[in-house]
């Protein structure tokens, strides 16, 4: 006959043996759910990733509305035209990350095209391209110097310089910009290789270089620090002067590259050819997840933002939305995004 004390002593051990796997499974499920929630929050907080998701969704809607959007010819054309905006938007990203903004990009696009067209006959194609890019770099240096040394707010400085550029171009061209046939620019704007537009290849190549500058170099870290807090960056020894000048010069150079490609695309220069890109470049940056307040963002998001805007514009055209309606839709979209970032900053 067994001792009752022995049975009383062994019962809890058996219960523990049964309960242990249940507790382990419960803990495992809790950890799994926590991981899913944290992953979901990370995805939602990754605005660059969300912009690509939005691009895929809008593309699906466009194909369902009009199957022609899925054709290779339409896709090629959309990527080609997106490159013109995308190159300007890459430069705008460099400036916005530092907490600035560049409203002179529309004028710089025109400067590049006009200078190249005006000097192509005398300086030759290569000389004209170099002269155009040098002129753009001077504008960027002027903007950066006004912002850093004179302490002029970026929105005021670049708006003023853009207005000045309009007057200078009127004087320079006497109101009659020229046409030009630059083979290299014409090929970059219109030709393709294996069905891929060369404009897209140029855009993605520039994006890789800009990505390294912003996310892989010390200058990029300085840019993010400057956008987060200039006073803290100055106290930490960040070279704000070099950072500001580099980003504004880079922005103007990229706007100039877009102007040159546009010259190759249209074959003629115009004083107003850059006007659509002034606000669209900012919208592409914000749509791509970069904070308009600076210090936060990703350059790859700008690529998807430019594609998203190009596709959205084409889709609105398919729906016969007027130019006024498109501008209202774009303005409302920018306002909504700015309000969302404003709430984030208050938190």
C-alpha atoms as a PDB file:
ATOM      1  CA  UNK A   1       0.000   0.000   0.000  1.00  0.00           C
ATOM      2  CA  UNK A   2       1.495   3.284  -1.088  1.00  0.00           C
ATOM      3  CA  UNK A   3       2.034   6.244   1.167  1.00  0.00           C
ATOM      4  CA  UNK A   4      -0.566   9.033   0.593  1.00  0.00           C
ATOM      5  CA  UNK A   5       2.117  11.635   1.142  1.00  0.00           C
ATOM      6  CA  UNK A   6       3.995  10.271  -1.874  1.00  0.00           C
ATOM      7  CA  UNK A   7       0.911  10.669  -4.098  1.00  0.00           C
ATOM      8  CA  UNK A   8       0.338  14.199  -2.822  1.00  0.00           C
ATOM      9  CA  UNK A   9       3.930  15.088  -3.503  1.00  0.00           C
ATOM     10  CA  UNK A  10       4.025  13.768  -7.102  1.00  0.00           C
ATOM     11  CA  UNK A  11       0.721  15.279  -8.312  1.00  0.00           C
ATOM     12  CA  UNK A  12       1.994  18.865  -8.787  1.00  0.00           C
ATOM     13  CA  UNK A  13       4.948  17.564 -10.749  1.00  0.00           C
ATOM     14  CA  UNK A  14       2.564  15.847 -13.203  1.00  0.00           C
ATOM     15  CA  UNK A  15       0.447  19.003 -13.530  1.00  0.00           C
ATOM     16  CA  UNK A  16       3.556  21.063 -14.238  1.00  0.00           C
ATOM     17  CA  UNK A  17       4.597  18.619 -16.923  1.00  0.00           C
ATOM     18  CA  UNK A  18       1.211  19.072 -18.607  1.00  0.00           C
ATOM     19  CA  UNK A  19       1.057  22.862 -18.210  1.00  0.00           C
ATOM     20  CA  UNK A  20       4.635  23.573 -19.375  1.00  0.00           C
ATOM     21  CA  UNK A  21       3.984  22.954 -23.103  1.00  0.00           C
ATOM     22  CA  UNK A  22       0.832  25.100 -22.889  1.00  0.00           C
ATOM     23  CA  UNK A  23       2.777  27.981 -21.367  1.00  0.00           C
ATOM     24  CA  UNK A  24       5.515  27.591 -23.974  1.00  0.00           C
ATOM     25  CA  UNK A  25       2.989  27.660 -26.818  1.00  0.00           C
ATOM     26  CA  UNK A  26       1.256  30.704 -25.332  1.00  0.00           C
ATOM     27  CA  UNK A  27       4.574  32.522 -25.015  1.00  0.00           C
ATOM     28  CA  UNK A  28       5.507  31.594 -28.578  1.00  0.00           C
ATOM     29  CA  UNK A  29       2.162  32.898 -29.900  1.00  0.00           C
ATOM     30  CA  UNK A  30       2.552  36.135 -27.934  1.00  0.00           C
ATOM     31  CA  UNK A  31       6.066  36.678 -29.302  1.00  0.00           C
ATOM     32  CA  UNK A  32       4.858  35.919 -32.842  1.00  0.00           C
ATOM     33  CA  UNK A  33       1.975  38.404 -32.559  1.00  0.00           C
ATOM     34  CA  UNK A  34       4.306  41.036 -31.131  1.00  0.00           C
ATOM     35  CA  UNK A  35       6.687  40.507 -34.037  1.00  0.00           C
ATOM     36  CA  UNK A  36       3.849  40.881 -36.543  1.00  0.00           C
ATOM     37  CA  UNK A  37       2.687  44.105 -34.880  1.00  0.00           C
ATOM     38  CA  UNK A  38       6.194  45.571 -34.839  1.00  0.00           C
ATOM     39  CA  UNK A  39       6.693  44.580 -38.484  1.00  0.00           C
ATOM     40  CA  UNK A  40       3.382  46.184 -39.401  1.00  0.00           C
ATOM     41  CA  UNK A  41       4.329  49.384 -37.602  1.00  0.00           C
ATOM     42  CA  UNK A  42       7.708  49.397 -39.355  1.00  0.00           C
ATOM     43  CA  UNK A  43       6.008  49.051 -42.745  1.00  0.00           C
ATOM     44  CA  UNK A  44       3.528  51.816 -41.966  1.00  0.00           C
ATOM     45  CA  UNK A  45       6.329  54.090 -40.757  1.00  0.00           C
ATOM     46  CA  UNK A  46       8.399  53.417 -43.880  1.00  0.00           C
ATOM     47  CA  UNK A  47       6.923  56.080 -46.141  1.00  0.00           C
ATOM     48  CA  UNK A  48       9.264  55.237 -49.009  1.00  0.00           C
ATOM     49  CA  UNK A  49       7.951  51.668 -49.025  1.00  0.00           C
ATOM     50  CA  UNK A  50       4.373  52.911 -48.807  1.00  0.00           C
ATOM     51  CA  UNK A  51       4.935  55.112 -51.851  1.00  0.00           C
ATOM     52  CA  UNK A  52       5.924  52.051 -53.882  1.00  0.00           C
ATOM     53  CA  UNK A  53       2.830  50.244 -52.613  1.00  0.00           C
ATOM     54  CA  UNK A  54       0.698  53.233 -53.645  1.00  0.00           C
ATOM     55  CA  UNK A  55       2.395  53.254 -57.043  1.00  0.00           C
ATOM     56  CA  UNK A  56       1.569  49.579 -57.582  1.00  0.00           C
ATOM     57  CA  UNK A  57      -2.033  50.159 -56.515  1.00  0.00           C
ATOM     58  CA  UNK A  58      -2.464  53.166 -58.806  1.00  0.00           C
ATOM     59  CA  UNK A  59      -0.923  51.227 -61.680  1.00  0.00           C
ATOM     60  CA  UNK A  60      -3.456  48.439 -61.141  1.00  0.00           C
ATOM     61  CA  UNK A  61      -6.290  50.973 -61.137  1.00  0.00           C
ATOM     62  CA  UNK A  62      -4.938  52.572 -64.330  1.00  0.00           C
ATOM     63  CA  UNK A  63      -4.762  49.215 -66.119  1.00  0.00           C
ATOM     64  CA  UNK A  64      -8.309  48.340 -65.039  1.00  0.00           C
ATOM     65  CA  UNK A  65      -9.627  51.721 -66.187  1.00  0.00           C
ATOM     66  CA  UNK A  66      -7.700  51.715 -69.445  1.00  0.00           C
ATOM     67  CA  UNK A  67      -5.929  48.517 -70.552  1.00  0.00           C
ATOM     68  CA  UNK A  68      -3.644  50.619 -72.778  1.00  0.00           C
ATOM     69  CA  UNK A  69      -1.692  51.581 -69.639  1.00  0.00           C
ATOM     70  CA  UNK A  70      -0.382  48.025 -69.566  1.00  0.00           C
ATOM     71  CA  UNK A  71       0.972  48.134 -73.105  1.00  0.00           C
ATOM     72  CA  UNK A  72       4.772  48.291 -73.582  1.00  0.00           C
ATOM     73  CA  UNK A  73       4.540  51.491 -75.637  1.00  0.00           C
ATOM     74  CA  UNK A  74       2.565  53.360 -72.964  1.00  0.00           C
ATOM     75  CA  UNK A  75       4.796  52.055 -70.195  1.00  0.00           C
ATOM     76  CA  UNK A  76       7.891  53.152 -72.072  1.00  0.00           C
ATOM     77  CA  UNK A  77       6.480  56.630 -72.651  1.00  0.00           C
ATOM     78  CA  UNK A  78       5.456  57.048 -69.002  1.00  0.00           C
ATOM     79  CA  UNK A  79       8.908  56.018 -67.788  1.00  0.00           C
ATOM     80  CA  UNK A  80      10.508  58.373 -70.285  1.00  0.00           C
ATOM     81  CA  UNK A  81       8.479  61.390 -69.158  1.00  0.00           C
ATOM     82  CA  UNK A  82       8.806  60.426 -65.491  1.00  0.00           C
ATOM     83  CA  UNK A  83      12.583  60.696 -65.896  1.00  0.00           C
ATOM     84  CA  UNK A  84      12.343  64.419 -66.711  1.00  0.00           C
ATOM     85  CA  UNK A  85      10.520  65.094 -63.444  1.00  0.00           C
ATOM     86  CA  UNK A  86      12.472  62.484 -61.510  1.00  0.00           C
ATOM     87  CA  UNK A  87      15.874  64.046 -62.171  1.00  0.00           C
ATOM     88  CA  UNK A  88      14.669  67.431 -60.886  1.00  0.00           C
ATOM     89  CA  UNK A  89      13.067  65.752 -57.863  1.00  0.00           C
ATOM     90  CA  UNK A  90      16.334  64.009 -56.943  1.00  0.00           C
ATOM     91  CA  UNK A  91      18.010  67.387 -56.621  1.00  0.00           C
ATOM     92  CA  UNK A  92      15.064  68.773 -54.681  1.00  0.00           C
ATOM     93  CA  UNK A  93      15.453  65.880 -52.229  1.00  0.00           C
ATOM     94  CA  UNK A  94      19.041  66.875 -51.476  1.00  0.00           C
ATOM     95  CA  UNK A  95      17.932  70.361 -50.464  1.00  0.00           C
ATOM     96  CA  UNK A  96      14.771  69.373 -48.571  1.00  0.00           C
ATOM     97  CA  UNK A  97      16.695  66.849 -46.462  1.00  0.00           C
ATOM     98  CA  UNK A  98      18.775  69.762 -45.131  1.00  0.00           C
ATOM     99  CA  UNK A  99      15.613  71.605 -44.115  1.00  0.00           C
ATOM    100  CA  UNK A 100      15.587  73.856 -47.184  1.00  0.00           C
ATOM    101  CA  UNK A 101      13.635  74.095 -50.426  1.00  0.00           C
ATOM    102  CA  UNK A 102      14.410  75.253 -53.958  1.00  0.00           C
ATOM    103  CA  UNK A 103      11.746  77.163 -55.865  1.00  0.00           C
ATOM    104  CA  UNK A 104      14.216  78.218 -58.550  1.00  0.00           C
ATOM    105  CA  UNK A 105      14.384  74.792 -60.229  1.00  0.00           C
ATOM    106  CA  UNK A 106      11.879  75.844 -62.875  1.00  0.00           C
ATOM    107  CA  UNK A 107      14.129  78.719 -63.876  1.00  0.00           C
ATOM    108  CA  UNK A 108      17.241  76.544 -63.764  1.00  0.00           C
ATOM    109  CA  UNK A 109      15.633  74.007 -66.133  1.00  0.00           C
ATOM    110  CA  UNK A 110      15.043  76.855 -68.579  1.00  0.00           C
ATOM    111  CA  UNK A 111      18.565  78.249 -68.070  1.00  0.00           C
ATOM    112  CA  UNK A 112      20.181  74.950 -69.038  1.00  0.00           C
ATOM    113  CA  UNK A 113      18.085  74.544 -72.178  1.00  0.00           C
ATOM    114  CA  UNK A 114      18.406  78.172 -73.269  1.00  0.00           C
ATOM    115  CA  UNK A 115      22.161  78.456 -72.690  1.00  0.00           C
ATOM    116  CA  UNK A 116      22.812  75.177 -74.490  1.00  0.00           C
ATOM    117  CA  UNK A 117      20.640  76.174 -77.443  1.00  0.00           C
ATOM    118  CA  UNK A 118      22.141  79.661 -77.661  1.00  0.00           C
ATOM    119  CA  UNK A 119      25.761  78.446 -77.603  1.00  0.00           C
ATOM    120  CA  UNK A 120      25.473  75.170 -79.526  1.00  0.00           C
ATOM    121  CA  UNK A 121      26.508  76.687 -82.866  1.00  0.00           C
ATOM    122  CA  UNK A 122      29.525  78.599 -81.600  1.00  0.00           C
ATOM    123  CA  UNK A 123      30.817  76.346 -78.807  1.00  0.00           C
ATOM    124  CA  UNK A 124      29.776  73.011 -80.283  1.00  0.00           C
ATOM    125  CA  UNK A 125      27.546  70.408 -78.565  1.00  0.00           C
ATOM    126  CA  UNK A 126      30.015  69.488 -75.824  1.00  0.00           C
ATOM    127  CA  UNK A 127      30.951  73.088 -75.090  1.00  0.00           C
ATOM    128  CA  UNK A 128      27.296  74.107 -74.974  1.00  0.00           C
ATOM    129  CA  UNK A 129      26.453  71.361 -72.480  1.00  0.00           C
ATOM    130  CA  UNK A 130      29.380  72.325 -70.247  1.00  0.00           C
ATOM    131  CA  UNK A 131      28.431  76.009 -70.416  1.00  0.00           C
ATOM    132  CA  UNK A 132      24.835  75.211 -69.482  1.00  0.00           C
ATOM    133  CA  UNK A 133      25.849  73.102 -66.482  1.00  0.00           C
ATOM    134  CA  UNK A 134      28.309  75.751 -65.293  1.00  0.00           C
ATOM    135  CA  UNK A 135      25.547  78.349 -65.417  1.00  0.00           C
ATOM    136  CA  UNK A 136      23.333  76.054 -63.338  1.00  0.00           C
ATOM    137  CA  UNK A 137      26.100  75.482 -60.799  1.00  0.00           C
ATOM    138  CA  UNK A 138      26.489  79.263 -60.399  1.00  0.00           C
ATOM    139  CA  UNK A 139      22.768  79.544 -59.630  1.00  0.00           C
ATOM    140  CA  UNK A 140      23.060  76.806 -57.015  1.00  0.00           C
ATOM    141  CA  UNK A 141      26.070  78.509 -55.453  1.00  0.00           C
ATOM    142  CA  UNK A 142      24.145  81.787 -55.380  1.00  0.00           C
ATOM    143  CA  UNK A 143      21.190  80.117 -53.641  1.00  0.00           C
ATOM    144  CA  UNK A 144      23.344  78.319 -51.094  1.00  0.00           C
ATOM    145  CA  UNK A 145      25.362  81.442 -50.298  1.00  0.00           C
ATOM    146  CA  UNK A 146      22.229  83.511 -49.766  1.00  0.00           C
ATOM    147  CA  UNK A 147      20.743  80.887 -47.445  1.00  0.00           C
ATOM    148  CA  UNK A 148      23.906  80.259 -45.409  1.00  0.00           C
ATOM    149  CA  UNK A 149      25.841  83.530 -45.340  1.00  0.00           C
ATOM    150  CA  UNK A 150      22.963  86.022 -45.486  1.00  0.00           C
ATOM    151  CA  UNK A 151      20.535  83.932 -43.468  1.00  0.00           C
ATOM    152  CA  UNK A 152      17.726  84.412 -45.991  1.00  0.00           C
ATOM    153  CA  UNK A 153      14.969  81.792 -45.632  1.00  0.00           C
ATOM    154  CA  UNK A 154      15.339  79.210 -48.431  1.00  0.00           C
ATOM    155  CA  UNK A 155      11.813  79.726 -49.763  1.00  0.00           C
ATOM    156  CA  UNK A 156      12.441  83.484 -50.110  1.00  0.00           C
ATOM    157  CA  UNK A 157      15.960  83.147 -51.496  1.00  0.00           C
ATOM    158  CA  UNK A 158      15.144  80.605 -54.168  1.00  0.00           C
ATOM    159  CA  UNK A 159      11.887  82.290 -55.178  1.00  0.00           C
ATOM    160  CA  UNK A 160      13.798  85.541 -55.654  1.00  0.00           C
ATOM    161  CA  UNK A 161      16.586  83.887 -57.632  1.00  0.00           C
ATOM    162  CA  UNK A 162      14.023  82.134 -59.833  1.00  0.00           C
ATOM    163  CA  UNK A 163      12.382  85.476 -60.580  1.00  0.00           C
ATOM    164  CA  UNK A 164      15.761  87.015 -61.356  1.00  0.00           C
ATOM    165  CA  UNK A 165      16.538  84.148 -63.737  1.00  0.00           C
ATOM    166  CA  UNK A 166      13.345  84.835 -65.677  1.00  0.00           C
ATOM    167  CA  UNK A 167      14.410  88.433 -66.254  1.00  0.00           C
ATOM    168  CA  UNK A 168      17.979  87.499 -67.131  1.00  0.00           C
ATOM    169  CA  UNK A 169      16.802  84.947 -69.698  1.00  0.00           C
ATOM    170  CA  UNK A 170      14.499  87.510 -71.284  1.00  0.00           C
ATOM    171  CA  UNK A 171      17.439  89.880 -71.699  1.00  0.00           C
ATOM    172  CA  UNK A 172      19.800  87.120 -72.857  1.00  0.00           C
ATOM    173  CA  UNK A 173      17.456  85.768 -75.534  1.00  0.00           C
ATOM    174  CA  UNK A 174      15.751  89.054 -76.365  1.00  0.00           C
ATOM    175  CA  UNK A 175      12.530  87.164 -75.877  1.00  0.00           C
ATOM    176  CA  UNK A 176      13.297  84.676 -78.661  1.00  0.00           C
ATOM    177  CA  UNK A 177      14.899  81.419 -77.446  1.00  0.00           C
ATOM    178  CA  UNK A 178      16.511  79.254 -80.113  1.00  0.00           C
ATOM    179  CA  UNK A 179      16.074  75.703 -81.250  1.00  0.00           C
ATOM    180  CA  UNK A 180      18.986  73.294 -81.220  1.00  0.00           C
ATOM    181  CA  UNK A 181      19.808  69.825 -82.486  1.00  0.00           C
ATOM    182  CA  UNK A 182      22.290  68.257 -80.067  1.00  0.00           C
ATOM    183  CA  UNK A 183      22.673  64.569 -81.042  1.00  0.00           C
ATOM    184  CA  UNK A 184      23.708  63.383 -77.578  1.00  0.00           C
ATOM    185  CA  UNK A 185      20.758  65.070 -75.865  1.00  0.00           C
ATOM    186  CA  UNK A 186      18.374  63.915 -78.563  1.00  0.00           C
ATOM    187  CA  UNK A 187      19.511  60.319 -78.096  1.00  0.00           C
ATOM    188  CA  UNK A 188      19.256  60.468 -74.305  1.00  0.00           C
ATOM    189  CA  UNK A 189      15.737  61.896 -74.485  1.00  0.00           C
ATOM    190  CA  UNK A 190      14.219  59.784 -77.246  1.00  0.00           C
ATOM    191  CA  UNK A 191      16.190  56.583 -77.874  1.00  0.00           C
ATOM    192  CA  UNK A 192      15.977  53.277 -76.038  1.00  0.00           C
ATOM    193  CA  UNK A 193      18.092  50.182 -75.581  1.00  0.00           C
ATOM    194  CA  UNK A 194      16.380  46.774 -75.513  1.00  0.00           C
ATOM    195  CA  UNK A 195      13.073  48.558 -74.965  1.00  0.00           C
ATOM    196  CA  UNK A 196      14.369  50.585 -72.003  1.00  0.00           C
ATOM    197  CA  UNK A 197      14.344  54.385 -72.536  1.00  0.00           C
ATOM    198  CA  UNK A 198      17.782  55.924 -72.224  1.00  0.00           C
ATOM    199  CA  UNK A 199      16.195  58.748 -70.233  1.00  0.00           C
ATOM    200  CA  UNK A 200      15.221  56.143 -67.634  1.00  0.00           C
ATOM    201  CA  UNK A 201      18.758  54.720 -67.627  1.00  0.00           C
ATOM    202  CA  UNK A 202      20.153  58.228 -67.089  1.00  0.00           C
ATOM    203  CA  UNK A 203      17.662  58.881 -64.301  1.00  0.00           C
ATOM    204  CA  UNK A 204      18.445  55.667 -62.433  1.00  0.00           C
ATOM    205  CA  UNK A 205      22.196  56.200 -62.870  1.00  0.00           C
ATOM    206  CA  UNK A 206      21.912  59.664 -61.347  1.00  0.00           C
ATOM    207  CA  UNK A 207      19.692  58.206 -58.613  1.00  0.00           C
ATOM    208  CA  UNK A 208      22.435  55.717 -57.681  1.00  0.00           C
ATOM    209  CA  UNK A 209      25.015  58.509 -57.433  1.00  0.00           C
ATOM    210  CA  UNK A 210      22.648  60.722 -55.421  1.00  0.00           C
ATOM    211  CA  UNK A 211      21.781  57.751 -53.181  1.00  0.00           C
ATOM    212  CA  UNK A 212      25.449  57.265 -52.379  1.00  0.00           C
ATOM    213  CA  UNK A 213      25.885  60.985 -51.691  1.00  0.00           C
ATOM    214  CA  UNK A 214      22.873  61.139 -49.387  1.00  0.00           C
ATOM    215  CA  UNK A 215      22.867  57.714 -47.710  1.00  0.00           C
ATOM    216  CA  UNK A 216      26.410  56.423 -48.105  1.00  0.00           C
ATOM    217  CA  UNK A 217      28.736  59.362 -47.561  1.00  0.00           C
ATOM    218  CA  UNK A 218      29.693  61.657 -44.723  1.00  0.00           C
ATOM    219  CA  UNK A 219      28.179  64.603 -46.579  1.00  0.00           C
ATOM    220  CA  UNK A 220      24.833  62.815 -46.549  1.00  0.00           C
ATOM    221  CA  UNK A 221      25.018  62.292 -42.796  1.00  0.00           C
ATOM    222  CA  UNK A 222      25.775  65.980 -42.414  1.00  0.00           C
ATOM    223  CA  UNK A 223      22.730  66.817 -44.558  1.00  0.00           C
ATOM    224  CA  UNK A 224      20.405  64.740 -42.368  1.00  0.00           C
ATOM    225  CA  UNK A 225      21.914  66.241 -39.222  1.00  0.00           C
ATOM    226  CA  UNK A 226      21.487  69.753 -40.625  1.00  0.00           C
ATOM    227  CA  UNK A 227      17.846  69.094 -41.389  1.00  0.00           C
ATOM    228  CA  UNK A 228      17.198  67.671 -37.932  1.00  0.00           C
ATOM    229  CA  UNK A 229      18.722  70.566 -35.985  1.00  0.00           C
ATOM    230  CA  UNK A 230      21.128  73.176 -37.278  1.00  0.00           C
ATOM    231  CA  UNK A 231      22.068  74.407 -33.815  1.00  0.00           C
ATOM    232  CA  UNK A 232      22.886  70.900 -32.598  1.00  0.00           C
ATOM    233  CA  UNK A 233      24.774  70.167 -35.834  1.00  0.00           C
ATOM    234  CA  UNK A 234      26.843  73.325 -35.434  1.00  0.00           C
ATOM    235  CA  UNK A 235      27.670  72.378 -31.846  1.00  0.00           C
ATOM    236  CA  UNK A 236      28.674  68.889 -33.028  1.00  0.00           C
ATOM    237  CA  UNK A 237      31.094  70.302 -35.586  1.00  0.00           C
ATOM    238  CA  UNK A 238      29.067  69.535 -38.729  1.00  0.00           C
ATOM    239  CA  UNK A 239      30.426  71.604 -41.668  1.00  0.00           C
ATOM    240  CA  UNK A 240      27.154  73.394 -42.386  1.00  0.00           C
ATOM    241  CA  UNK A 241      28.686  75.736 -44.953  1.00  0.00           C
ATOM    242  CA  UNK A 242      30.050  72.975 -47.171  1.00  0.00           C
ATOM    243  CA  UNK A 243      26.898  70.887 -46.711  1.00  0.00           C
ATOM    244  CA  UNK A 244      24.533  73.709 -47.656  1.00  0.00           C
ATOM    245  CA  UNK A 245      26.523  74.784 -50.708  1.00  0.00           C
ATOM    246  CA  UNK A 246      26.985  71.194 -51.916  1.00  0.00           C
ATOM    247  CA  UNK A 247      23.284  70.365 -51.722  1.00  0.00           C
ATOM    248  CA  UNK A 248      22.115  73.551 -53.428  1.00  0.00           C
ATOM    249  CA  UNK A 249      24.699  73.224 -56.193  1.00  0.00           C
ATOM    250  CA  UNK A 250      23.717  69.571 -56.634  1.00  0.00           C
ATOM    251  CA  UNK A 251      20.041  70.529 -56.859  1.00  0.00           C
ATOM    252  CA  UNK A 252      20.714  73.129 -59.557  1.00  0.00           C
ATOM    253  CA  UNK A 253      22.964  70.780 -61.535  1.00  0.00           C
ATOM    254  CA  UNK A 254      20.305  68.077 -61.596  1.00  0.00           C
ATOM    255  CA  UNK A 255      17.653  70.593 -62.639  1.00  0.00           C
ATOM    256  CA  UNK A 256      20.071  71.610 -65.397  1.00  0.00           C
ATOM    257  CA  UNK A 257      20.492  67.997 -66.530  1.00  0.00           C
ATOM    258  CA  UNK A 258      16.717  67.691 -66.792  1.00  0.00           C
ATOM    259  CA  UNK A 259      16.604  70.903 -68.820  1.00  0.00           C
ATOM    260  CA  UNK A 260      19.198  69.549 -71.227  1.00  0.00           C
ATOM    261  CA  UNK A 261      17.303  66.287 -71.704  1.00  0.00           C
ATOM    262  CA  UNK A 262      14.096  68.264 -72.266  1.00  0.00           C
ATOM    263  CA  UNK A 263      15.918  70.265 -74.934  1.00  0.00           C
ATOM    264  CA  UNK A 264      16.794  66.994 -76.640  1.00  0.00           C
ATOM    265  CA  UNK A 265      13.190  65.828 -76.295  1.00  0.00           C
ATOM    266  CA  UNK A 266      11.505  68.934 -77.736  1.00  0.00           C
ATOM    267  CA  UNK A 267      14.330  70.238 -79.941  1.00  0.00           C
ATOM    268  CA  UNK A 268      13.713  73.790 -78.763  1.00  0.00           C
ATOM    269  CA  UNK A 269      14.239  75.895 -75.648  1.00  0.00           C
ATOM    270  CA  UNK A 270      11.582  77.906 -73.867  1.00  0.00           C
ATOM    271  CA  UNK A 271      11.567  80.379 -71.006  1.00  0.00           C
ATOM    272  CA  UNK A 272       8.658  78.545 -69.381  1.00  0.00           C
ATOM    273  CA  UNK A 273       9.617  74.916 -70.055  1.00  0.00           C
ATOM    274  CA  UNK A 274      10.557  74.344 -66.425  1.00  0.00           C
ATOM    275  CA  UNK A 275       7.396  75.781 -64.857  1.00  0.00           C
ATOM    276  CA  UNK A 276       5.589  72.441 -64.359  1.00  0.00           C
ATOM    277  CA  UNK A 277       8.505  71.087 -62.337  1.00  0.00           C
ATOM    278  CA  UNK A 278       8.563  73.737 -59.624  1.00  0.00           C
ATOM    279  CA  UNK A 279       5.756  72.248 -57.530  1.00  0.00           C
ATOM    280  CA  UNK A 280       5.792  68.770 -59.054  1.00  0.00           C
ATOM    281  CA  UNK A 281       9.372  68.198 -57.884  1.00  0.00           C
ATOM    282  CA  UNK A 282       8.392  69.106 -54.323  1.00  0.00           C
ATOM    283  CA  UNK A 283       5.294  66.918 -54.515  1.00  0.00           C
ATOM    284  CA  UNK A 284       7.361  63.966 -55.736  1.00  0.00           C
ATOM    285  CA  UNK A 285       9.740  64.340 -52.799  1.00  0.00           C
ATOM    286  CA  UNK A 286       6.923  64.540 -50.249  1.00  0.00           C
ATOM    287  CA  UNK A 287       5.004  61.671 -51.865  1.00  0.00           C
ATOM    288  CA  UNK A 288       8.169  59.599 -51.621  1.00  0.00           C
ATOM    289  CA  UNK A 289       8.199  59.931 -47.843  1.00  0.00           C
ATOM    290  CA  UNK A 290      10.704  62.729 -47.266  1.00  0.00           C
ATOM    291  CA  UNK A 291       9.625  65.167 -44.586  1.00  0.00           C
ATOM    292  CA  UNK A 292       9.207  68.700 -45.905  1.00  0.00           C
ATOM    293  CA  UNK A 293      10.650  69.814 -42.565  1.00  0.00           C
ATOM    294  CA  UNK A 294      13.972  68.100 -43.316  1.00  0.00           C
ATOM    295  CA  UNK A 295      16.079  65.547 -41.514  1.00  0.00           C
ATOM    296  CA  UNK A 296      14.037  62.513 -42.530  1.00  0.00           C
ATOM    297  CA  UNK A 297      13.447  60.693 -45.799  1.00  0.00           C
ATOM    298  CA  UNK A 298      14.871  58.394 -48.427  1.00  0.00           C
ATOM    299  CA  UNK A 299      15.931  59.122 -51.968  1.00  0.00           C
ATOM    300  CA  UNK A 300      14.419  55.917 -53.369  1.00  0.00           C
ATOM    301  CA  UNK A 301      11.033  57.174 -52.259  1.00  0.00           C
ATOM    302  CA  UNK A 302      11.498  60.184 -54.520  1.00  0.00           C
ATOM    303  CA  UNK A 303      11.878  57.841 -57.496  1.00  0.00           C
ATOM    304  CA  UNK A 304       8.518  56.231 -56.753  1.00  0.00           C
ATOM    305  CA  UNK A 305       7.003  59.655 -56.047  1.00  0.00           C
ATOM    306  CA  UNK A 306       7.959  60.922 -59.501  1.00  0.00           C
ATOM    307  CA  UNK A 307       6.540  57.801 -61.139  1.00  0.00           C
ATOM    308  CA  UNK A 308       3.381  58.103 -59.052  1.00  0.00           C
ATOM    309  CA  UNK A 309       2.803  61.714 -60.094  1.00  0.00           C
ATOM    310  CA  UNK A 310       3.457  60.957 -63.753  1.00  0.00           C
ATOM    311  CA  UNK A 311       1.021  58.054 -63.681  1.00  0.00           C
ATOM    312  CA  UNK A 312      -1.562  60.102 -61.776  1.00  0.00           C
ATOM    313  CA  UNK A 313      -1.325  62.947 -64.302  1.00  0.00           C
ATOM    314  CA  UNK A 314      -1.772  60.519 -67.199  1.00  0.00           C
ATOM    315  CA  UNK A 315      -4.710  58.854 -65.456  1.00  0.00           C
ATOM    316  CA  UNK A 316      -6.439  62.203 -64.860  1.00  0.00           C
ATOM    317  CA  UNK A 317      -5.925  62.968 -68.547  1.00  0.00           C
ATOM    318  CA  UNK A 318      -7.612  59.680 -69.421  1.00  0.00           C
ATOM    319  CA  UNK A 319     -10.587  60.762 -67.323  1.00  0.00           C
ATOM    320  CA  UNK A 320     -10.672  64.072 -69.263  1.00  0.00           C
ATOM    321  CA  UNK A 321      -9.930  66.110 -66.153  1.00  0.00           C
ATOM    322  CA  UNK A 322      -9.053  69.668 -67.156  1.00  0.00           C
ATOM    323  CA  UNK A 323      -5.709  71.302 -66.411  1.00  0.00           C
ATOM    324  CA  UNK A 324      -7.423  73.367 -63.700  1.00  0.00           C
ATOM    325  CA  UNK A 325      -8.783  70.205 -62.123  1.00  0.00           C
ATOM    326  CA  UNK A 326      -5.360  68.582 -62.173  1.00  0.00           C
ATOM    327  CA  UNK A 327      -3.834  71.562 -60.409  1.00  0.00           C
ATOM    328  CA  UNK A 328      -6.548  71.496 -57.764  1.00  0.00           C
ATOM    329  CA  UNK A 329      -5.981  67.769 -57.200  1.00  0.00           C
ATOM    330  CA  UNK A 330      -2.206  68.250 -56.960  1.00  0.00           C
ATOM    331  CA  UNK A 331      -2.558  71.170 -54.550  1.00  0.00           C
ATOM    332  CA  UNK A 332      -4.955  69.232 -52.344  1.00  0.00           C
ATOM    333  CA  UNK A 333      -2.595  66.251 -52.308  1.00  0.00           C
ATOM    334  CA  UNK A 334       0.369  68.411 -51.256  1.00  0.00           C
ATOM    335  CA  UNK A 335      -1.738  70.099 -48.557  1.00  0.00           C
ATOM    336  CA  UNK A 336      -2.834  66.767 -47.081  1.00  0.00           C
ATOM    337  CA  UNK A 337       0.743  65.502 -46.968  1.00  0.00           C
ATOM    338  CA  UNK A 338       2.004  68.713 -45.386  1.00  0.00           C
ATOM    339  CA  UNK A 339      -0.689  68.535 -42.713  1.00  0.00           C
ATOM    340  CA  UNK A 340       0.303  64.975 -41.871  1.00  0.00           C
ATOM    341  CA  UNK A 341       3.944  65.987 -41.441  1.00  0.00           C
ATOM    342  CA  UNK A 342       2.925  68.995 -39.365  1.00  0.00           C
ATOM    343  CA  UNK A 343       1.125  66.709 -36.942  1.00  0.00           C
ATOM    344  CA  UNK A 344       4.181  64.472 -36.728  1.00  0.00           C
ATOM    345  CA  UNK A 345       6.408  67.433 -35.841  1.00  0.00           C
ATOM    346  CA  UNK A 346       4.054  68.502 -33.031  1.00  0.00           C
ATOM    347  CA  UNK A 347       4.333  65.034 -31.498  1.00  0.00           C
END
